[in-house]
Amino acid sequence: MAKVAFSLIFLLLSLAFGSGAPVTVVNGQKTWCVAKPSSDQATLLANINYSCSQVDCKILQKGGPCFYPDDLTNHASVAMNLYYQSHGKNHWNCDFRNSGLVVVSDPSYSNCIYA
């Protein structure tokens, strides 16, 4: 139990302070990748373009379940998570030049379900 608590505290501290340290997730805790709110627009756009060149981003198209809100942070988060989920959910698959965050709270909303 103490190891689980330590690992979760380490994960939260890593996210809060952006240590870049490897993130360990224990006991099958589900994780997602989202864009850091402080990321600039050029970085977010590059993340969308790269992620969507590697995975199917149809859910971001107009009329898709994740199109709204129609902003770069939302679209980058969805695209980055699609990439992260399809590439093994390793912390390095959410780095995106230090513009991604691994989170343990499900970022899904409305009909936009983060896998």
N, C-alpha and C. Protein backbone atom coordinates (compact mmCIF):
# COMPACT_ATOMS: atom_id res chain seq x y z
N MET A 1 0.82 -1.20 0.00
CA MET A 1 0.00 0.00 0.00
C MET A 1 0.86 1.26 0.00
N ALA A 2 1.95 1.24 0.80
CA ALA A 2 2.83 2.41 0.87
C ALA A 2 3.48 2.67 -0.48
N LYS A 3 3.83 1.58 -1.20
CA LYS A 3 4.46 1.75 -2.51
C LYS A 3 3.48 2.38 -3.49
N VAL A 4 2.22 1.99 -3.44
CA VAL A 4 1.19 2.57 -4.30
C VAL A 4 1.03 4.05 -4.00
N ALA A 5 0.95 4.40 -2.72
CA ALA A 5 0.79 5.80 -2.33
C ALA A 5 1.99 6.62 -2.78
N PHE A 6 3.20 6.07 -2.59
CA PHE A 6 4.41 6.79 -3.02
C PHE A 6 4.40 7.00 -4.52
N SER A 7 4.03 5.95 -5.29
CA SER A 7 4.02 6.06 -6.74
C SER A 7 3.02 7.10 -7.21
N LEU A 8 1.84 7.14 -6.59
CA LEU A 8 0.84 8.12 -6.98
C LEU A 8 1.29 9.54 -6.62
N ILE A 9 1.91 9.70 -5.48
CA ILE A 9 2.44 11.01 -5.10
C ILE A 9 3.52 11.44 -6.07
N PHE A 10 4.41 10.50 -6.44
CA PHE A 10 5.47 10.80 -7.40
C PHE A 10 4.87 11.24 -8.73
N LEU A 11 3.83 10.52 -9.19
CA LEU A 11 3.17 10.86 -10.44
C LEU A 11 2.60 12.28 -10.38
N LEU A 12 1.90 12.59 -9.31
CA LEU A 12 1.30 13.92 -9.18
C LEU A 12 2.36 15.01 -9.12
N LEU A 13 3.44 14.76 -8.38
CA LEU A 13 4.52 15.75 -8.30
C LEU A 13 5.20 15.92 -9.65
N SER A 14 5.39 14.83 -10.37
CA SER A 14 6.00 14.91 -11.69
C SER A 14 5.15 15.77 -12.62
N LEU A 15 3.84 15.58 -12.54
CA LEU A 15 2.95 16.36 -13.39
C LEU A 15 2.94 17.82 -12.97
N ALA A 16 2.91 18.06 -11.70
CA ALA A 16 2.82 19.43 -11.20
C ALA A 16 4.08 20.23 -11.49
N PHE A 17 5.22 19.58 -11.36
CA PHE A 17 6.47 20.32 -11.49
C PHE A 17 7.21 20.04 -12.78
N GLY A 18 6.63 19.19 -13.65
CA GLY A 18 7.22 18.96 -14.95
C GLY A 18 8.65 18.46 -14.89
N SER A 19 8.92 17.52 -13.99
CA SER A 19 10.29 17.07 -13.79
C SER A 19 10.87 16.36 -14.99
N GLY A 20 10.02 15.86 -15.87
CA GLY A 20 10.53 15.10 -17.00
C GLY A 20 10.96 13.71 -16.60
N ALA A 21 10.82 13.37 -15.34
CA ALA A 21 11.20 12.05 -14.85
C ALA A 21 10.22 11.01 -15.37
N PRO A 22 10.69 9.77 -15.54
CA PRO A 22 9.77 8.73 -15.98
C PRO A 22 8.60 8.60 -15.01
N VAL A 23 7.43 8.40 -15.55
CA VAL A 23 6.22 8.26 -14.74
C VAL A 23 5.89 6.79 -14.61
N THR A 24 5.69 6.35 -13.40
CA THR A 24 5.31 4.97 -13.15
C THR A 24 3.86 4.96 -12.73
N VAL A 25 3.08 4.15 -13.40
CA VAL A 25 1.67 4.02 -13.04
C VAL A 25 1.49 2.61 -12.51
N VAL A 26 0.84 2.50 -11.36
CA VAL A 26 0.72 1.21 -10.69
C VAL A 26 -0.70 0.71 -10.67
N ASN A 27 -0.82 -0.59 -10.46
CA ASN A 27 -2.13 -1.24 -10.30
C ASN A 27 -3.08 -0.95 -11.44
N GLY A 28 -2.57 -0.85 -12.65
CA GLY A 28 -3.44 -0.68 -13.81
C GLY A 28 -4.15 0.66 -13.90
N GLN A 29 -3.67 1.67 -13.21
CA GLN A 29 -4.29 3.01 -13.27
C GLN A 29 -4.34 3.49 -14.71
N LYS A 30 -5.49 3.87 -15.20
CA LYS A 30 -5.62 4.36 -16.57
C LYS A 30 -5.05 5.77 -16.66
N THR A 31 -4.39 6.06 -17.76
CA THR A 31 -3.78 7.37 -17.97
C THR A 31 -4.14 7.90 -19.35
N TRP A 32 -4.08 9.22 -19.47
CA TRP A 32 -4.34 9.90 -20.73
C TRP A 32 -3.26 10.95 -20.93
N CYS A 33 -3.14 11.41 -22.15
CA CYS A 33 -2.18 12.46 -22.48
C CYS A 33 -2.96 13.69 -22.93
N VAL A 34 -2.63 14.84 -22.37
CA VAL A 34 -3.27 16.10 -22.76
C VAL A 34 -2.19 17.16 -22.97
N ALA A 35 -2.56 18.21 -23.67
CA ALA A 35 -1.65 19.33 -23.91
C ALA A 35 -1.51 20.18 -22.66
N LYS A 36 -0.29 20.62 -22.39
CA LYS A 36 -0.10 21.56 -21.29
C LYS A 36 -0.79 22.87 -21.65
N PRO A 37 -1.54 23.42 -20.71
CA PRO A 37 -2.24 24.69 -20.99
C PRO A 37 -1.29 25.83 -21.36
N SER A 38 -0.04 25.75 -20.96
CA SER A 38 0.92 26.82 -21.23
C SER A 38 1.57 26.70 -22.61
N SER A 39 1.21 25.68 -23.37
CA SER A 39 1.82 25.47 -24.69
C SER A 39 1.39 26.56 -25.66
N ASP A 40 2.34 26.99 -26.50
CA ASP A 40 2.00 28.03 -27.47
C ASP A 40 1.29 27.41 -28.68
N GLN A 41 0.65 28.26 -29.46
CA GLN A 41 -0.18 27.79 -30.57
C GLN A 41 0.62 27.04 -31.63
N ALA A 42 1.83 27.48 -31.92
CA ALA A 42 2.66 26.80 -32.92
C ALA A 42 2.98 25.37 -32.48
N THR A 43 3.27 25.20 -31.20
CA THR A 43 3.56 23.87 -30.66
C THR A 43 2.32 22.99 -30.73
N LEU A 44 1.18 23.54 -30.33
CA LEU A 44 -0.06 22.77 -30.37
C LEU A 44 -0.39 22.33 -31.80
N LEU A 45 -0.23 23.22 -32.74
CA LEU A 45 -0.50 22.89 -34.14
C LEU A 45 0.46 21.81 -34.64
N ALA A 46 1.73 21.93 -34.27
CA ALA A 46 2.72 20.90 -34.66
C ALA A 46 2.35 19.55 -34.05
N ASN A 47 1.87 19.56 -32.81
CA ASN A 47 1.47 18.32 -32.15
C ASN A 47 0.26 17.68 -32.85
N ILE A 48 -0.69 18.50 -33.25
CA ILE A 48 -1.85 17.99 -33.99
C ILE A 48 -1.39 17.38 -35.31
N ASN A 49 -0.58 18.12 -36.05
CA ASN A 49 -0.12 17.65 -37.35
C ASN A 49 0.67 16.35 -37.23
N TYR A 50 1.57 16.28 -36.27
CA TYR A 50 2.36 15.07 -36.10
C TYR A 50 1.48 13.89 -35.67
N SER A 51 0.69 14.10 -34.63
CA SER A 51 -0.16 13.01 -34.12
C SER A 51 -1.09 12.49 -35.19
N CYS A 52 -1.73 13.41 -35.91
CA CYS A 52 -2.70 12.99 -36.91
C CYS A 52 -2.05 12.40 -38.16
N SER A 53 -0.73 12.57 -38.31
CA SER A 53 -0.03 11.88 -39.40
C SER A 53 0.27 10.44 -39.01
N GLN A 54 0.13 10.14 -37.71
CA GLN A 54 0.45 8.81 -37.19
C GLN A 54 -0.79 7.99 -36.82
N VAL A 55 -1.89 8.67 -36.50
CA VAL A 55 -3.11 7.99 -36.05
C VAL A 55 -4.32 8.62 -36.74
N ASP A 56 -5.44 7.96 -36.67
CA ASP A 56 -6.68 8.43 -37.28
C ASP A 56 -7.34 9.47 -36.37
N CYS A 57 -7.43 10.69 -36.84
CA CYS A 57 -7.99 11.79 -36.05
C CYS A 57 -9.38 12.21 -36.54
N LYS A 58 -10.13 11.28 -37.11
CA LYS A 58 -11.47 11.62 -37.63
C LYS A 58 -12.37 12.22 -36.57
N ILE A 59 -12.19 11.84 -35.31
CA ILE A 59 -13.07 12.37 -34.26
C ILE A 59 -12.90 13.87 -34.06
N LEU A 60 -11.84 14.44 -34.66
CA LEU A 60 -11.61 15.89 -34.56
C LEU A 60 -12.21 16.67 -35.73
N GLN A 61 -12.67 15.97 -36.74
CA GLN A 61 -13.22 16.65 -37.90
C GLN A 61 -14.55 17.32 -37.55
N LYS A 62 -14.89 18.36 -38.30
CA LYS A 62 -16.16 19.05 -38.08
C LYS A 62 -17.29 18.03 -38.14
N GLY A 63 -18.15 18.05 -37.12
CA GLY A 63 -19.22 17.08 -37.00
C GLY A 63 -18.83 15.87 -36.16
N GLY A 64 -17.54 15.74 -35.88
CA GLY A 64 -17.05 14.63 -35.05
C GLY A 64 -17.30 14.92 -33.58
N PRO A 65 -17.25 13.89 -32.74
CA PRO A 65 -17.58 14.06 -31.32
C PRO A 65 -16.60 14.93 -30.53
N CYS A 66 -15.39 15.15 -31.06
CA CYS A 66 -14.40 15.94 -30.33
C CYS A 66 -14.05 17.26 -31.03
N PHE A 67 -14.86 17.65 -32.02
CA PHE A 67 -14.58 18.91 -32.73
C PHE A 67 -14.75 20.12 -31.83
N TYR A 68 -15.81 20.12 -31.02
CA TYR A 68 -16.06 21.25 -30.11
C TYR A 68 -15.54 20.92 -28.73
N PRO A 69 -14.97 21.83 -27.99
CA PRO A 69 -14.70 23.20 -28.43
C PRO A 69 -13.63 23.22 -29.52
N ASP A 70 -13.87 24.07 -30.49
CA ASP A 70 -12.99 24.19 -31.65
C ASP A 70 -11.82 25.11 -31.32
N ASP A 71 -10.85 24.59 -30.58
CA ASP A 71 -9.66 25.37 -30.25
C ASP A 71 -8.44 24.45 -30.26
N LEU A 72 -7.28 25.05 -30.38
CA LEU A 72 -6.05 24.26 -30.52
C LEU A 72 -5.74 23.41 -29.30
N THR A 73 -5.99 23.90 -28.10
CA THR A 73 -5.68 23.12 -26.91
C THR A 73 -6.53 21.85 -26.86
N ASN A 74 -7.81 21.98 -27.14
CA ASN A 74 -8.69 20.82 -27.15
C ASN A 74 -8.28 19.85 -28.24
N HIS A 75 -8.09 20.34 -29.46
CA HIS A 75 -7.75 19.45 -30.57
C HIS A 75 -6.40 18.80 -30.34
N ALA A 76 -5.42 19.54 -29.83
CA ALA A 76 -4.11 18.95 -29.56
C ALA A 76 -4.21 17.87 -28.49
N SER A 77 -4.98 18.12 -27.45
CA SER A 77 -5.14 17.13 -26.39
C SER A 77 -5.72 15.83 -26.93
N VAL A 78 -6.75 15.93 -27.75
CA VAL A 78 -7.38 14.74 -28.32
C VAL A 78 -6.38 14.01 -29.22
N ALA A 79 -5.71 14.74 -30.11
CA ALA A 79 -4.76 14.12 -31.04
C ALA A 79 -3.58 13.50 -30.29
N MET A 80 -3.04 14.22 -29.32
CA MET A 80 -1.91 13.72 -28.54
C MET A 80 -2.30 12.45 -27.78
N ASN A 81 -3.52 12.43 -27.24
CA ASN A 81 -3.97 11.25 -26.51
C ASN A 81 -4.14 10.06 -27.46
N LEU A 82 -4.68 10.29 -28.65
CA LEU A 82 -4.80 9.21 -29.62
C LEU A 82 -3.43 8.59 -29.91
N TYR A 83 -2.44 9.45 -30.10
CA TYR A 83 -1.07 8.98 -30.34
C TYR A 83 -0.54 8.21 -29.13
N TYR A 84 -0.68 8.79 -27.97
CA TYR A 84 -0.20 8.18 -26.72
C TYR A 84 -0.83 6.81 -26.50
N GLN A 85 -2.13 6.71 -26.66
CA GLN A 85 -2.82 5.44 -26.43
C GLN A 85 -2.38 4.39 -27.44
N SER A 86 -2.16 4.78 -28.68
CA SER A 86 -1.82 3.81 -29.73
C SER A 86 -0.35 3.43 -29.75
N HIS A 87 0.48 4.14 -29.01
CA HIS A 87 1.91 3.86 -29.00
C HIS A 87 2.41 3.34 -27.65
N GLY A 88 1.55 2.71 -26.89
CA GLY A 88 1.99 2.00 -25.70
C GLY A 88 1.84 2.71 -24.37
N LYS A 89 1.29 3.92 -24.36
CA LYS A 89 1.06 4.67 -23.12
C LYS A 89 2.34 4.81 -22.27
N ASN A 90 3.46 5.00 -22.93
CA ASN A 90 4.71 5.28 -22.24
C ASN A 90 4.83 6.78 -22.03
N HIS A 91 5.46 7.19 -20.95
CA HIS A 91 5.55 8.63 -20.67
C HIS A 91 6.20 9.39 -21.82
N TRP A 92 7.13 8.76 -22.53
CA TRP A 92 7.81 9.44 -23.63
C TRP A 92 6.89 9.63 -24.84
N ASN A 93 5.78 8.87 -24.90
CA ASN A 93 4.82 9.05 -25.99
C ASN A 93 3.88 10.21 -25.73
N CYS A 94 4.08 10.91 -24.60
CA CYS A 94 3.28 12.09 -24.28
C CYS A 94 4.18 13.30 -24.04
N ASP A 95 5.43 13.20 -24.41
CA ASP A 95 6.34 14.32 -24.15
C ASP A 95 6.09 15.49 -25.11
N PHE A 96 6.07 15.21 -26.39
CA PHE A 96 5.83 16.24 -27.40
C PHE A 96 6.65 17.50 -27.11
N ARG A 97 7.95 17.28 -26.97
CA ARG A 97 8.88 18.39 -26.67
C ARG A 97 8.44 19.16 -25.43
N ASN A 98 8.08 18.39 -24.42
CA ASN A 98 7.69 18.92 -23.11
C ASN A 98 6.40 19.74 -23.14
N SER A 99 5.51 19.42 -24.07
CA SER A 99 4.23 20.14 -24.12
C SER A 99 3.05 19.24 -23.78
N GLY A 100 3.32 18.00 -23.35
CA GLY A 100 2.25 17.09 -22.99
C GLY A 100 2.28 16.73 -21.51
N LEU A 101 1.13 16.37 -20.98
CA LEU A 101 1.00 15.94 -19.58
C LEU A 101 0.29 14.59 -19.54
N VAL A 102 0.83 13.66 -18.76
CA VAL A 102 0.12 12.42 -18.50
C VAL A 102 -0.77 12.68 -17.29
N VAL A 103 -2.06 12.39 -17.44
CA VAL A 103 -3.02 12.65 -16.36
C VAL A 103 -3.74 11.37 -15.99
N VAL A 104 -4.25 11.33 -14.76
CA VAL A 104 -4.99 10.16 -14.28
C VAL A 104 -6.49 10.45 -14.17
N SER A 105 -6.90 11.67 -14.45
CA SER A 105 -8.33 12.02 -14.47
C SER A 105 -8.80 11.99 -15.92
N ASP A 106 -9.86 11.28 -16.17
CA ASP A 106 -10.38 11.13 -17.52
C ASP A 106 -10.81 12.49 -18.09
N PRO A 107 -10.17 12.93 -19.18
CA PRO A 107 -10.52 14.23 -19.77
C PRO A 107 -11.72 14.18 -20.71
N SER A 108 -12.39 13.03 -20.83
CA SER A 108 -13.55 12.90 -21.71
C SER A 108 -14.63 13.90 -21.32
N TYR A 109 -15.42 14.33 -22.30
CA TYR A 109 -16.52 15.25 -22.05
C TYR A 109 -17.60 14.99 -23.09
N SER A 110 -18.82 15.22 -22.72
CA SER A 110 -19.96 15.06 -23.62
C SER A 110 -19.82 13.75 -24.39
N ASN A 111 -19.84 13.83 -25.74
CA ASN A 111 -19.68 12.62 -26.56
C ASN A 111 -18.23 12.39 -26.97
N CYS A 112 -17.32 13.21 -26.50
CA CYS A 112 -15.90 13.06 -26.81
C CYS A 112 -15.27 12.15 -25.77
N ILE A 113 -15.08 10.90 -26.14
CA ILE A 113 -14.55 9.91 -25.21
C ILE A 113 -13.07 9.68 -25.51
N TYR A 114 -12.24 9.99 -24.54
CA TYR A 114 -10.81 9.72 -24.67
C TYR A 114 -10.61 8.23 -24.43
N ALA A 115 -10.01 7.55 -25.39
CA ALA A 115 -9.82 6.08 -25.29
C ALA A 115 -8.94 5.73 -24.10
